[in-house]
């Protein structure tokens, strides 16, 4: 099912609820507007104009990026953004409502508010939607790594493909197909003698969602607990092989967040470091989940990209801010999502502003 059909099916489920939905023609996938559609929903004499953001799935890992995206769209368009998706579970419905995020799924679950009426339907079972569409090259792990490198350094797009491969840490042969996909999606603009990345916040948030869903679970290498993490700023990090990510990196970059979990990116945590901070392996619970104070994640990007960030960051031993942003959103925690927005405005947006 493509996004056009998904939106049409979601609008259709509103009829039994006494609502009439009309999708505005010609606005689906309007790239300049950075939303999937615009629509009008009416009940009696009350009607509201909305923007629509379509997502195939909504999970705890992608929730933060979705909320960041719809918040930016609401500000840009001056109208509420309604999330349209295949299915929203009851727990996710509650989280969306708490966040004030309206939604409709094709099973008939919905949360909509307008002056004089409220729709909140949960608990309806998912309906079959068929096999998922084949992912384009830009949505594969290699494609996500290439896009990560480009989001960290937009000017990289106009350099030789070998340079892109080195910074993204992918095979040179993967670059042409990924760039072609990004061009077809309107993210890479090709002009005589030059290429330019069409950087938008939507593109950043789409990458963050795909990273949380496809790549991030595979980066987790180990999880530990410690007697305390209150002194984390004094922990000695090897600048050539250990970098703060997630909450501690955000605390360094924004001076706003107090970390509850320490994320360290490294190929291998030194035994001396484990002993010095009295780290003990965090056990899985009966569902296989791990709650830990320190998480160790594997770097996936190329050394030249990290070296360039190290030069720009100075003494701060952190991963690039684009990854910090995505890791914060993947927590789904309201405080982390708020910090991600601060990080975007302060650090990432200036990088993405055309010079």
C-alpha atoms as a PDB file:
ATOM      1  CA  UNK A   1       0.000   0.000   0.000  1.00  0.00           C
ATOM      2  CA  UNK A   2       1.444   3.384  -1.021  1.00  0.00           C
ATOM      3  CA  UNK A   3       0.970   6.600   0.923  1.00  0.00           C
ATOM      4  CA  UNK A   4      -1.839   7.838  -1.335  1.00  0.00           C
ATOM      5  CA  UNK A   5      -3.883   4.710  -0.645  1.00  0.00           C
ATOM      6  CA  UNK A   6      -2.987   4.803   3.051  1.00  0.00           C
ATOM      7  CA  UNK A   7      -4.322   8.341   3.357  1.00  0.00           C
ATOM      8  CA  UNK A   8      -7.475   7.504   1.387  1.00  0.00           C
ATOM      9  CA  UNK A   9      -8.195   4.442   3.570  1.00  0.00           C
ATOM     10  CA  UNK A  10      -7.618   6.421   6.767  1.00  0.00           C
ATOM     11  CA  UNK A  11      -9.963   9.194   5.651  1.00  0.00           C
ATOM     12  CA  UNK A  12     -12.625   6.594   4.811  1.00  0.00           C
ATOM     13  CA  UNK A  13     -12.743   5.215   8.374  1.00  0.00           C
ATOM     14  CA  UNK A  14     -13.953   8.601   9.612  1.00  0.00           C
ATOM     15  CA  UNK A  15     -17.353   8.267   7.888  1.00  0.00           C
ATOM     16  CA  UNK A  16     -18.813   5.806  10.451  1.00  0.00           C
ATOM     17  CA  UNK A  17     -17.711   8.260  13.151  1.00  0.00           C
ATOM     18  CA  UNK A  18     -19.902  10.976  11.665  1.00  0.00           C
ATOM     19  CA  UNK A  19     -17.037  12.902  10.091  1.00  0.00           C
ATOM     20  CA  UNK A  20     -16.591  13.889   6.463  1.00  0.00           C
ATOM     21  CA  UNK A  21     -13.017  14.111   5.237  1.00  0.00           C
ATOM     22  CA  UNK A  22     -11.975  15.679   1.935  1.00  0.00           C
ATOM     23  CA  UNK A  23      -8.382  15.442   0.733  1.00  0.00           C
ATOM     24  CA  UNK A  24      -7.305  18.423  -1.321  1.00  0.00           C
ATOM     25  CA  UNK A  25      -6.361  17.367  -4.824  1.00  0.00           C
ATOM     26  CA  UNK A  26      -2.858  17.867  -6.127  1.00  0.00           C
ATOM     27  CA  UNK A  27      -1.174  18.160  -2.752  1.00  0.00           C
ATOM     28  CA  UNK A  28      -0.051  14.595  -2.130  1.00  0.00           C
ATOM     29  CA  UNK A  29       3.726  14.382  -1.693  1.00  0.00           C
ATOM     30  CA  UNK A  30       4.082  18.135  -2.220  1.00  0.00           C
ATOM     31  CA  UNK A  31       7.831  18.301  -1.711  1.00  0.00           C
ATOM     32  CA  UNK A  32       8.017  22.065  -1.310  1.00  0.00           C
ATOM     33  CA  UNK A  33       5.430  21.913   1.450  1.00  0.00           C
ATOM     34  CA  UNK A  34       7.062  18.957   3.174  1.00  0.00           C
ATOM     35  CA  UNK A  35       3.805  17.240   4.131  1.00  0.00           C
ATOM     36  CA  UNK A  36       2.013  14.329   2.509  1.00  0.00           C
ATOM     37  CA  UNK A  37      -1.378  15.993   2.011  1.00  0.00           C
ATOM     38  CA  UNK A  38      -3.844  18.624   3.150  1.00  0.00           C
ATOM     39  CA  UNK A  39      -7.445  17.847   4.020  1.00  0.00           C
ATOM     40  CA  UNK A  40     -10.627  19.262   5.530  1.00  0.00           C
ATOM     41  CA  UNK A  41     -12.564  17.355   8.194  1.00  0.00           C
ATOM     42  CA  UNK A  42     -16.142  18.389   8.909  1.00  0.00           C
ATOM     43  CA  UNK A  43     -18.757  17.430  11.491  1.00  0.00           C
ATOM     44  CA  UNK A  44     -22.026  19.297  11.277  1.00  0.00           C
ATOM     45  CA  UNK A  45     -21.227  22.974  10.975  1.00  0.00           C
ATOM     46  CA  UNK A  46     -17.725  22.582  12.390  1.00  0.00           C
ATOM     47  CA  UNK A  47     -14.809  22.001  10.060  1.00  0.00           C
ATOM     48  CA  UNK A  48     -11.039  22.043  10.421  1.00  0.00           C
ATOM     49  CA  UNK A  49      -8.262  22.211   7.876  1.00  0.00           C
ATOM     50  CA  UNK A  50      -5.382  19.865   8.571  1.00  0.00           C
ATOM     51  CA  UNK A  51      -2.054  18.746   7.183  1.00  0.00           C
ATOM     52  CA  UNK A  52      -1.445  14.992   6.946  1.00  0.00           C
ATOM     53  CA  UNK A  53       1.770  13.115   7.681  1.00  0.00           C
ATOM     54  CA  UNK A  54       1.637   9.470   6.608  1.00  0.00           C
ATOM     55  CA  UNK A  55       3.815   6.857   8.315  1.00  0.00           C
ATOM     56  CA  UNK A  56       3.654   3.114   7.757  1.00  0.00           C
ATOM     57  CA  UNK A  57       4.384   2.293  11.395  1.00  0.00           C
ATOM     58  CA  UNK A  58       4.678   4.091  14.708  1.00  0.00           C
ATOM     59  CA  UNK A  59       6.888   2.502  17.371  1.00  0.00           C
ATOM     60  CA  UNK A  60       8.399   3.738  20.638  1.00  0.00           C
ATOM     61  CA  UNK A  61      11.735   4.099  18.815  1.00  0.00           C
ATOM     62  CA  UNK A  62      10.298   6.269  16.010  1.00  0.00           C
ATOM     63  CA  UNK A  63       7.822   8.251  18.121  1.00  0.00           C
ATOM     64  CA  UNK A  64      10.290  11.004  19.037  1.00  0.00           C
ATOM     65  CA  UNK A  65      11.260  11.700  15.422  1.00  0.00           C
ATOM     66  CA  UNK A  66       7.608  11.701  14.359  1.00  0.00           C
ATOM     67  CA  UNK A  67       6.661  14.216  17.052  1.00  0.00           C
ATOM     68  CA  UNK A  68       9.619  16.423  16.152  1.00  0.00           C
ATOM     69  CA  UNK A  69       8.588  16.345  12.513  1.00  0.00           C
ATOM     70  CA  UNK A  70       4.890  17.088  13.066  1.00  0.00           C
ATOM     71  CA  UNK A  71       5.724  19.908  15.480  1.00  0.00           C
ATOM     72  CA  UNK A  72       7.885  21.575  12.839  1.00  0.00           C
ATOM     73  CA  UNK A  73       5.170  21.074  10.220  1.00  0.00           C
ATOM     74  CA  UNK A  74       2.503  22.572  12.486  1.00  0.00           C
ATOM     75  CA  UNK A  75       4.658  25.659  12.965  1.00  0.00           C
ATOM     76  CA  UNK A  76       5.401  25.909   9.242  1.00  0.00           C
ATOM     77  CA  UNK A  77       1.806  25.528   8.028  1.00  0.00           C
ATOM     78  CA  UNK A  78      -0.173  27.049  10.883  1.00  0.00           C
ATOM     79  CA  UNK A  79      -2.595  24.153  11.079  1.00  0.00           C
ATOM     80  CA  UNK A  80      -2.738  20.882  13.030  1.00  0.00           C
ATOM     81  CA  UNK A  81      -0.863  17.927  11.571  1.00  0.00           C
ATOM     82  CA  UNK A  82      -2.715  14.614  11.777  1.00  0.00           C
ATOM     83  CA  UNK A  83      -0.648  11.445  11.748  1.00  0.00           C
ATOM     84  CA  UNK A  84      -2.006   8.750   9.415  1.00  0.00           C
ATOM     85  CA  UNK A  85      -0.713   5.204   9.793  1.00  0.00           C
ATOM     86  CA  UNK A  86      -1.560   1.521   9.415  1.00  0.00           C
ATOM     87  CA  UNK A  87      -2.181   0.811  13.082  1.00  0.00           C
ATOM     88  CA  UNK A  88      -1.845   2.440  16.493  1.00  0.00           C
ATOM     89  CA  UNK A  89      -1.738   0.165  19.538  1.00  0.00           C
ATOM     90  CA  UNK A  90      -3.644   1.259  22.677  1.00  0.00           C
ATOM     91  CA  UNK A  91      -0.424   2.129  24.588  1.00  0.00           C
ATOM     92  CA  UNK A  92       0.867   4.140  21.634  1.00  0.00           C
ATOM     93  CA  UNK A  93      -2.519   5.848  21.269  1.00  0.00           C
ATOM     94  CA  UNK A  94      -2.251   7.020  24.860  1.00  0.00           C
ATOM     95  CA  UNK A  95       1.277   8.338  24.327  1.00  0.00           C
ATOM     96  CA  UNK A  96       0.193  10.205  21.209  1.00  0.00           C
ATOM     97  CA  UNK A  97      -2.778  11.738  23.004  1.00  0.00           C
ATOM     98  CA  UNK A  98      -0.592  12.784  25.942  1.00  0.00           C
ATOM     99  CA  UNK A  99       1.699  14.499  23.434  1.00  0.00           C
ATOM    100  CA  UNK A 100      -1.292  16.220  21.797  1.00  0.00           C
ATOM    101  CA  UNK A 101      -0.623  14.430  18.505  1.00  0.00           C
ATOM    102  CA  UNK A 102      -3.822  13.685  16.581  1.00  0.00           C
ATOM    103  CA  UNK A 103      -3.920  10.460  14.555  1.00  0.00           C
ATOM    104  CA  UNK A 104      -6.021   8.158  12.386  1.00  0.00           C
ATOM    105  CA  UNK A 105      -5.240   4.542  11.486  1.00  0.00           C
ATOM    106  CA  UNK A 106      -6.913   2.352   8.881  1.00  0.00           C
ATOM    107  CA  UNK A 107      -8.351   0.083  11.590  1.00  0.00           C
ATOM    108  CA  UNK A 108     -10.547   2.968  12.760  1.00  0.00           C
ATOM    109  CA  UNK A 109      -8.572   4.067  15.810  1.00  0.00           C
ATOM    110  CA  UNK A 110      -8.388   7.840  15.985  1.00  0.00           C
ATOM    111  CA  UNK A 111      -7.753  10.896  18.115  1.00  0.00           C
ATOM    112  CA  UNK A 112      -9.085  14.181  16.722  1.00  0.00           C
ATOM    113  CA  UNK A 113     -10.028  17.416  18.421  1.00  0.00           C
ATOM    114  CA  UNK A 114     -11.807  20.511  17.171  1.00  0.00           C
ATOM    115  CA  UNK A 115     -13.948  23.182  18.814  1.00  0.00           C
ATOM    116  CA  UNK A 116     -17.082  21.443  20.079  1.00  0.00           C
ATOM    117  CA  UNK A 117     -16.087  17.830  19.459  1.00  0.00           C
ATOM    118  CA  UNK A 118     -13.579  15.160  20.416  1.00  0.00           C
ATOM    119  CA  UNK A 119     -12.948  11.786  18.777  1.00  0.00           C
ATOM    120  CA  UNK A 120     -10.923   9.199  20.669  1.00  0.00           C
ATOM    121  CA  UNK A 121     -11.236   5.584  19.531  1.00  0.00           C
ATOM    122  CA  UNK A 122      -8.743   2.895  20.609  1.00  0.00           C
ATOM    123  CA  UNK A 123      -8.617  -0.882  20.789  1.00  0.00           C
ATOM    124  CA  UNK A 124      -9.730  -1.764  17.270  1.00  0.00           C
ATOM    125  CA  UNK A 125      -7.637  -4.576  15.830  1.00  0.00           C
ATOM    126  CA  UNK A 126      -5.167  -4.111  13.002  1.00  0.00           C
ATOM    127  CA  UNK A 127      -6.250  -4.972   9.468  1.00  0.00           C
ATOM    128  CA  UNK A 128      -3.974  -6.810   6.980  1.00  0.00           C
ATOM    129  CA  UNK A 129      -2.110  -4.445   4.668  1.00  0.00           C
ATOM    130  CA  UNK A 130      -0.080  -6.868   2.562  1.00  0.00           C
ATOM    131  CA  UNK A 131       3.694  -7.186   2.242  1.00  0.00           C
ATOM    132  CA  UNK A 132       5.752  -4.033   2.765  1.00  0.00           C
ATOM    133  CA  UNK A 133       7.151  -2.354  -0.293  1.00  0.00           C
ATOM    134  CA  UNK A 134      10.758  -3.053  -1.223  1.00  0.00           C
ATOM    135  CA  UNK A 135      13.068  -0.449   0.293  1.00  0.00           C
ATOM    136  CA  UNK A 136      14.930   1.866  -2.049  1.00  0.00           C
ATOM    137  CA  UNK A 137      18.715   1.874  -1.866  1.00  0.00           C
ATOM    138  CA  UNK A 138      18.630   5.064   0.209  1.00  0.00           C
ATOM    139  CA  UNK A 139      16.624   3.173   2.855  1.00  0.00           C
ATOM    140  CA  UNK A 140      19.104   0.320   3.261  1.00  0.00           C
ATOM    141  CA  UNK A 141      21.791   0.365   5.978  1.00  0.00           C
ATOM    142  CA  UNK A 142      24.358   1.473   3.387  1.00  0.00           C
ATOM    143  CA  UNK A 143      22.011   4.175   2.151  1.00  0.00           C
ATOM    144  CA  UNK A 144      21.336   5.407   5.674  1.00  0.00           C
ATOM    145  CA  UNK A 145      25.066   5.585   6.359  1.00  0.00           C
ATOM    146  CA  UNK A 146      25.598   7.648   3.207  1.00  0.00           C
ATOM    147  CA  UNK A 147      22.748   9.997   4.099  1.00  0.00           C
ATOM    148  CA  UNK A 148      24.128  10.340   7.642  1.00  0.00           C
ATOM    149  CA  UNK A 149      27.481  11.471   6.254  1.00  0.00           C
ATOM    150  CA  UNK A 150      25.752  13.957   3.955  1.00  0.00           C
ATOM    151  CA  UNK A 151      23.585  15.345   6.764  1.00  0.00           C
ATOM    152  CA  UNK A 152      26.703  15.823   8.879  1.00  0.00           C
ATOM    153  CA  UNK A 153      28.524  17.540   6.024  1.00  0.00           C
ATOM    154  CA  UNK A 154      26.164  18.715   3.226  1.00  0.00           C
ATOM    155  CA  UNK A 155      29.102  19.972   1.138  1.00  0.00           C
ATOM    156  CA  UNK A 156      30.333  16.381   0.893  1.00  0.00           C
ATOM    157  CA  UNK A 157      27.727  15.781  -1.842  1.00  0.00           C
ATOM    158  CA  UNK A 158      29.835  17.693  -4.382  1.00  0.00           C
ATOM    159  CA  UNK A 159      33.050  15.833  -3.652  1.00  0.00           C
ATOM    160  CA  UNK A 160      34.288  12.670  -5.384  1.00  0.00           C
ATOM    161  CA  UNK A 161      32.280   9.534  -4.675  1.00  0.00           C
ATOM    162  CA  UNK A 162      35.353   7.933  -3.122  1.00  0.00           C
ATOM    163  CA  UNK A 163      35.355  10.656  -0.441  1.00  0.00           C
ATOM    164  CA  UNK A 164      31.666  10.036   0.255  1.00  0.00           C
ATOM    165  CA  UNK A 165      32.330   6.302   0.619  1.00  0.00           C
ATOM    166  CA  UNK A 166      35.179   6.900   3.073  1.00  0.00           C
ATOM    167  CA  UNK A 167      33.185   9.264   5.289  1.00  0.00           C
ATOM    168  CA  UNK A 168      30.104   7.016   5.204  1.00  0.00           C
ATOM    169  CA  UNK A 169      32.163   3.841   5.719  1.00  0.00           C
ATOM    170  CA  UNK A 170      30.543   1.993   2.805  1.00  0.00           C
ATOM    171  CA  UNK A 171      31.823   0.329  -0.342  1.00  0.00           C
ATOM    172  CA  UNK A 172      32.451   2.683  -3.260  1.00  0.00           C
ATOM    173  CA  UNK A 173      30.105   0.610  -5.417  1.00  0.00           C
ATOM    174  CA  UNK A 174      27.160   1.488  -3.183  1.00  0.00           C
ATOM    175  CA  UNK A 175      27.384   5.231  -3.783  1.00  0.00           C
ATOM    176  CA  UNK A 176      25.917   5.649  -7.312  1.00  0.00           C
ATOM    177  CA  UNK A 177      22.627   3.857  -6.611  1.00  0.00           C
ATOM    178  CA  UNK A 178      22.139   5.675  -3.289  1.00  0.00           C
ATOM    179  CA  UNK A 179      22.777   9.074  -4.897  1.00  0.00           C
ATOM    180  CA  UNK A 180      20.393   8.202  -7.730  1.00  0.00           C
ATOM    181  CA  UNK A 181      17.666   7.316  -5.207  1.00  0.00           C
ATOM    182  CA  UNK A 182      18.225  10.553  -3.312  1.00  0.00           C
ATOM    183  CA  UNK A 183      18.075  12.473  -6.587  1.00  0.00           C
ATOM    184  CA  UNK A 184      14.824  10.742  -7.597  1.00  0.00           C
ATOM    185  CA  UNK A 185      13.319  11.680  -4.218  1.00  0.00           C
ATOM    186  CA  UNK A 186      14.291  15.310  -4.710  1.00  0.00           C
ATOM    187  CA  UNK A 187      16.954  15.356  -2.001  1.00  0.00           C
ATOM    188  CA  UNK A 188      19.917  15.717  -4.362  1.00  0.00           C
ATOM    189  CA  UNK A 189      19.810  18.470  -6.966  1.00  0.00           C
ATOM    190  CA  UNK A 190      22.034  17.922  -9.988  1.00  0.00           C
ATOM    191  CA  UNK A 191      23.142  20.999 -11.921  1.00  0.00           C
ATOM    192  CA  UNK A 192      25.761  21.407 -14.643  1.00  0.00           C
ATOM    193  CA  UNK A 193      29.084  20.547 -13.064  1.00  0.00           C
ATOM    194  CA  UNK A 194      27.803  20.333  -9.488  1.00  0.00           C
ATOM    195  CA  UNK A 195      25.534  18.515  -7.028  1.00  0.00           C
ATOM    196  CA  UNK A 196      23.731  19.995  -4.031  1.00  0.00           C
ATOM    197  CA  UNK A 197      21.960  18.347  -1.107  1.00  0.00           C
ATOM    198  CA  UNK A 198      18.454  19.732  -0.597  1.00  0.00           C
ATOM    199  CA  UNK A 199      18.641  19.644   3.194  1.00  0.00           C
ATOM    200  CA  UNK A 200      15.342  19.971   5.041  1.00  0.00           C
ATOM    201  CA  UNK A 201      14.254  19.155   8.568  1.00  0.00           C
ATOM    202  CA  UNK A 202      11.856  16.621   7.087  1.00  0.00           C
ATOM    203  CA  UNK A 203      14.803  14.795   5.539  1.00  0.00           C
ATOM    204  CA  UNK A 204      16.648  14.840   8.869  1.00  0.00           C
ATOM    205  CA  UNK A 205      13.631  13.486  10.750  1.00  0.00           C
ATOM    206  CA  UNK A 206      12.957  10.831   8.104  1.00  0.00           C
ATOM    207  CA  UNK A 207      16.564   9.691   8.483  1.00  0.00           C
ATOM    208  CA  UNK A 208      16.231   9.657  12.283  1.00  0.00           C
ATOM    209  CA  UNK A 209      13.118   7.457  12.020  1.00  0.00           C
ATOM    210  CA  UNK A 210      14.741   5.020   9.621  1.00  0.00           C
ATOM    211  CA  UNK A 211      17.923   4.932  11.718  1.00  0.00           C
ATOM    212  CA  UNK A 212      15.929   4.151  14.875  1.00  0.00           C
ATOM    213  CA  UNK A 213      14.045   1.378  13.119  1.00  0.00           C
ATOM    214  CA  UNK A 214      16.765  -0.246  11.000  1.00  0.00           C
ATOM    215  CA  UNK A 215      20.240   0.555  12.302  1.00  0.00           C
ATOM    216  CA  UNK A 216      20.160   1.689  15.916  1.00  0.00           C
ATOM    217  CA  UNK A 217      19.192  -1.674  17.469  1.00  0.00           C
ATOM    218  CA  UNK A 218      22.254  -3.228  15.835  1.00  0.00           C
ATOM    219  CA  UNK A 219      24.668  -0.646  17.232  1.00  0.00           C
ATOM    220  CA  UNK A 220      24.096  -1.693  20.864  1.00  0.00           C
ATOM    221  CA  UNK A 221      27.122  -3.758  21.904  1.00  0.00           C
ATOM    222  CA  UNK A 222      26.840  -3.899  25.713  1.00  0.00           C
ATOM    223  CA  UNK A 223      24.997  -2.393  28.664  1.00  0.00           C
ATOM    224  CA  UNK A 224      26.302  -1.741  32.152  1.00  0.00           C
ATOM    225  CA  UNK A 225      25.274  -0.361  35.499  1.00  0.00           C
ATOM    226  CA  UNK A 226      27.512   1.757  37.709  1.00  0.00           C
ATOM    227  CA  UNK A 227      27.467   2.798  41.376  1.00  0.00           C
ATOM    228  CA  UNK A 228      26.935   6.358  40.146  1.00  0.00           C
ATOM    229  CA  UNK A 229      27.011   8.335  36.911  1.00  0.00           C
ATOM    230  CA  UNK A 230      26.777  11.725  38.606  1.00  0.00           C
ATOM    231  CA  UNK A 231      30.502  12.259  37.992  1.00  0.00           C
ATOM    232  CA  UNK A 232      30.351  11.343  34.286  1.00  0.00           C
ATOM    233  CA  UNK A 233      31.975  14.605  33.175  1.00  0.00           C
ATOM    234  CA  UNK A 234      35.156  13.513  34.960  1.00  0.00           C
ATOM    235  CA  UNK A 235      35.300  10.145  33.204  1.00  0.00           C
ATOM    236  CA  UNK A 236      38.459   9.916  31.099  1.00  0.00           C
ATOM    237  CA  UNK A 237      37.545   9.256  27.448  1.00  0.00           C
ATOM    238  CA  UNK A 238      40.099   8.139  24.869  1.00  0.00           C
ATOM    239  CA  UNK A 239      39.723  10.875  22.193  1.00  0.00           C
ATOM    240  CA  UNK A 240      40.948   8.481  19.500  1.00  0.00           C
ATOM    241  CA  UNK A 241      38.427   5.735  20.165  1.00  0.00           C
ATOM    242  CA  UNK A 242      35.669   6.739  22.608  1.00  0.00           C
ATOM    243  CA  UNK A 243      32.974   9.351  22.097  1.00  0.00           C
ATOM    244  CA  UNK A 244      29.962  10.486  24.092  1.00  0.00           C
ATOM    245  CA  UNK A 245      26.644  10.053  22.306  1.00  0.00           C
ATOM    246  CA  UNK A 246      22.988  10.470  23.224  1.00  0.00           C
ATOM    247  CA  UNK A 247      22.209  12.251  26.488  1.00  0.00           C
ATOM    248  CA  UNK A 248      25.754  13.113  27.685  1.00  0.00           C
ATOM    249  CA  UNK A 249      26.689  14.449  24.246  1.00  0.00           C
ATOM    250  CA  UNK A 250      23.514  16.528  24.260  1.00  0.00           C
ATOM    251  CA  UNK A 251      24.348  17.837  27.735  1.00  0.00           C
ATOM    252  CA  UNK A 252      27.739  18.966  26.448  1.00  0.00           C
ATOM    253  CA  UNK A 253      26.306  20.555  23.305  1.00  0.00           C
ATOM    254  CA  UNK A 254      23.287  22.287  24.855  1.00  0.00           C
ATOM    255  CA  UNK A 255      24.076  22.556  28.576  1.00  0.00           C
ATOM    256  CA  UNK A 256      20.406  21.702  29.104  1.00  0.00           C
ATOM    257  CA  UNK A 257      19.945  17.995  29.827  1.00  0.00           C
ATOM    258  CA  UNK A 258      20.984  15.996  32.878  1.00  0.00           C
ATOM    259  CA  UNK A 259      21.804  12.510  31.530  1.00  0.00           C
ATOM    260  CA  UNK A 260      19.924   9.530  32.888  1.00  0.00           C
ATOM    261  CA  UNK A 261      21.735   7.089  30.586  1.00  0.00           C
ATOM    262  CA  UNK A 262      25.333   7.448  29.421  1.00  0.00           C
ATOM    263  CA  UNK A 263      25.867   6.480  25.782  1.00  0.00           C
ATOM    264  CA  UNK A 264      29.420   5.750  24.686  1.00  0.00           C
ATOM    265  CA  UNK A 265      30.376   4.949  21.103  1.00  0.00           C
ATOM    266  CA  UNK A 266      33.481   2.802  20.851  1.00  0.00           C
ATOM    267  CA  UNK A 267      34.707  -0.331  19.105  1.00  0.00           C
ATOM    268  CA  UNK A 268      35.775  -1.830  22.437  1.00  0.00           C
ATOM    269  CA  UNK A 269      35.421  -0.526  25.972  1.00  0.00           C
ATOM    270  CA  UNK A 270      38.822  -0.748  27.718  1.00  0.00           C
ATOM    271  CA  UNK A 271      39.010  -3.151  30.670  1.00  0.00           C
ATOM    272  CA  UNK A 272      40.684  -0.406  32.690  1.00  0.00           C
ATOM    273  CA  UNK A 273      37.697   1.872  32.087  1.00  0.00           C
ATOM    274  CA  UNK A 274      35.273  -0.848  33.229  1.00  0.00           C
ATOM    275  CA  UNK A 275      37.307  -1.455  36.390  1.00  0.00           C
ATOM    276  CA  UNK A 276      37.827   2.230  37.183  1.00  0.00           C
ATOM    277  CA  UNK A 277      34.115   3.009  37.108  1.00  0.00           C
ATOM    278  CA  UNK A 278      33.035  -0.340  38.596  1.00  0.00           C
ATOM    279  CA  UNK A 279      30.763  -1.159  35.695  1.00  0.00           C
ATOM    280  CA  UNK A 280      28.749  -4.393  35.892  1.00  0.00           C
ATOM    281  CA  UNK A 281      26.843  -6.020  33.052  1.00  0.00           C
ATOM    282  CA  UNK A 282      23.152  -5.090  33.089  1.00  0.00           C
ATOM    283  CA  UNK A 283      20.912  -8.199  33.032  1.00  0.00           C
ATOM    284  CA  UNK A 284      17.946  -8.698  30.702  1.00  0.00           C
ATOM    285  CA  UNK A 285      14.485  -8.728  32.202  1.00  0.00           C
ATOM    286  CA  UNK A 286      12.049 -11.554  31.525  1.00  0.00           C
ATOM    287  CA  UNK A 287      11.091  -9.943  28.191  1.00  0.00           C
ATOM    288  CA  UNK A 288      14.671  -9.546  27.052  1.00  0.00           C
ATOM    289  CA  UNK A 289      14.766  -5.795  27.651  1.00  0.00           C
ATOM    290  CA  UNK A 290      17.751  -4.092  29.237  1.00  0.00           C
ATOM    291  CA  UNK A 291      17.600  -1.058  31.482  1.00  0.00           C
ATOM    292  CA  UNK A 292      21.076   0.238  32.119  1.00  0.00           C
ATOM    293  CA  UNK A 293      22.918   3.346  33.209  1.00  0.00           C
ATOM    294  CA  UNK A 294      25.678   2.990  30.590  1.00  0.00           C
ATOM    295  CA  UNK A 295      25.197   1.733  27.031  1.00  0.00           C
ATOM    296  CA  UNK A 296      28.017   0.927  24.630  1.00  0.00           C
ATOM    297  CA  UNK A 297      27.317   1.376  20.928  1.00  0.00           C
ATOM    298  CA  UNK A 298      29.411   0.599  17.853  1.00  0.00           C
ATOM    299  CA  UNK A 299      30.412   3.466  15.543  1.00  0.00           C
ATOM    300  CA  UNK A 300      29.170   2.921  11.983  1.00  0.00           C
ATOM    301  CA  UNK A 301      30.582   5.955  10.173  1.00  0.00           C
ATOM    302  CA  UNK A 302      34.012   6.542   8.656  1.00  0.00           C
ATOM    303  CA  UNK A 303      37.098   7.823  10.436  1.00  0.00           C
ATOM    304  CA  UNK A 304      37.409  10.956   8.207  1.00  0.00           C
ATOM    305  CA  UNK A 305      33.913  12.050   9.247  1.00  0.00           C
ATOM    306  CA  UNK A 306      34.707  11.698  12.949  1.00  0.00           C
ATOM    307  CA  UNK A 307      38.052  13.456  12.522  1.00  0.00           C
ATOM    308  CA  UNK A 308      36.342  16.398  10.858  1.00  0.00           C
ATOM    309  CA  UNK A 309      33.835  16.627  13.717  1.00  0.00           C
ATOM    310  CA  UNK A 310      36.626  16.344  16.312  1.00  0.00           C
ATOM    311  CA  UNK A 311      38.337  19.368  14.763  1.00  0.00           C
ATOM    312  CA  UNK A 312      35.136  21.411  14.860  1.00  0.00           C
ATOM    313  CA  UNK A 313      34.128  20.260  18.370  1.00  0.00           C
ATOM    314  CA  UNK A 314      37.510  20.992  19.949  1.00  0.00           C
ATOM    315  CA  UNK A 315      37.936  19.406  23.392  1.00  0.00           C
ATOM    316  CA  UNK A 316      34.394  17.973  23.446  1.00  0.00           C
ATOM    317  CA  UNK A 317      34.658  14.213  22.835  1.00  0.00           C
ATOM    318  CA  UNK A 318      31.316  13.557  21.148  1.00  0.00           C
ATOM    319  CA  UNK A 319      29.806  11.937  18.088  1.00  0.00           C
ATOM    320  CA  UNK A 320      28.425  14.271  15.375  1.00  0.00           C
ATOM    321  CA  UNK A 321      25.314  16.247  16.415  1.00  0.00           C
ATOM    322  CA  UNK A 322      23.069  14.615  13.801  1.00  0.00           C
ATOM    323  CA  UNK A 323      23.532  11.273  15.568  1.00  0.00           C
ATOM    324  CA  UNK A 324      23.004  12.857  18.989  1.00  0.00           C
ATOM    325  CA  UNK A 325      19.728  14.295  17.686  1.00  0.00           C
ATOM    326  CA  UNK A 326      18.560  10.902  16.421  1.00  0.00           C
ATOM    327  CA  UNK A 327      19.551   9.071  19.606  1.00  0.00           C
ATOM    328  CA  UNK A 328      17.640  11.579  21.727  1.00  0.00           C
ATOM    329  CA  UNK A 329      14.488  11.174  19.639  1.00  0.00           C
ATOM    330  CA  UNK A 330      14.778   7.375  19.738  1.00  0.00           C
ATOM    331  CA  UNK A 331      14.361   7.404  23.529  1.00  0.00           C
ATOM    332  CA  UNK A 332      10.809   8.701  23.160  1.00  0.00           C
ATOM    333  CA  UNK A 333      11.351  10.660  26.388  1.00  0.00           C
ATOM    334  CA  UNK A 334       9.731  14.113  26.419  1.00  0.00           C
ATOM    335  CA  UNK A 335      12.763  15.796  28.011  1.00  0.00           C
ATOM    336  CA  UNK A 336      15.102  14.226  25.427  1.00  0.00           C
ATOM    337  CA  UNK A 337      12.798  15.258  22.567  1.00  0.00           C
ATOM    338  CA  UNK A 338      12.798  18.826  23.890  1.00  0.00           C
ATOM    339  CA  UNK A 339      16.599  18.766  24.088  1.00  0.00           C
ATOM    340  CA  UNK A 340      16.788  17.414  20.530  1.00  0.00           C
ATOM    341  CA  UNK A 341      14.852  20.452  19.323  1.00  0.00           C
ATOM    342  CA  UNK A 342      17.239  22.771  21.155  1.00  0.00           C
ATOM    343  CA  UNK A 343      20.194  20.927  19.622  1.00  0.00           C
ATOM    344  CA  UNK A 344      18.660  21.229  16.173  1.00  0.00           C
ATOM    345  CA  UNK A 345      18.098  24.965  16.455  1.00  0.00           C
ATOM    346  CA  UNK A 346      21.488  25.677  18.038  1.00  0.00           C
ATOM    347  CA  UNK A 347      23.832  23.348  16.191  1.00  0.00           C
ATOM    348  CA  UNK A 348      22.306  21.408  13.297  1.00  0.00           C
ATOM    349  CA  UNK A 349      20.196  24.026  11.520  1.00  0.00           C
ATOM    350  CA  UNK A 350      23.229  26.327  10.989  1.00  0.00           C
ATOM    351  CA  UNK A 351      25.086  23.414   9.363  1.00  0.00           C
ATOM    352  CA  UNK A 352      22.128  22.830   7.023  1.00  0.00           C
ATOM    353  CA  UNK A 353      21.623  26.492   6.109  1.00  0.00           C
ATOM    354  CA  UNK A 354      22.946  27.122   2.564  1.00  0.00           C
ATOM    355  CA  UNK A 355      26.031  29.267   2.535  1.00  0.00           C
END
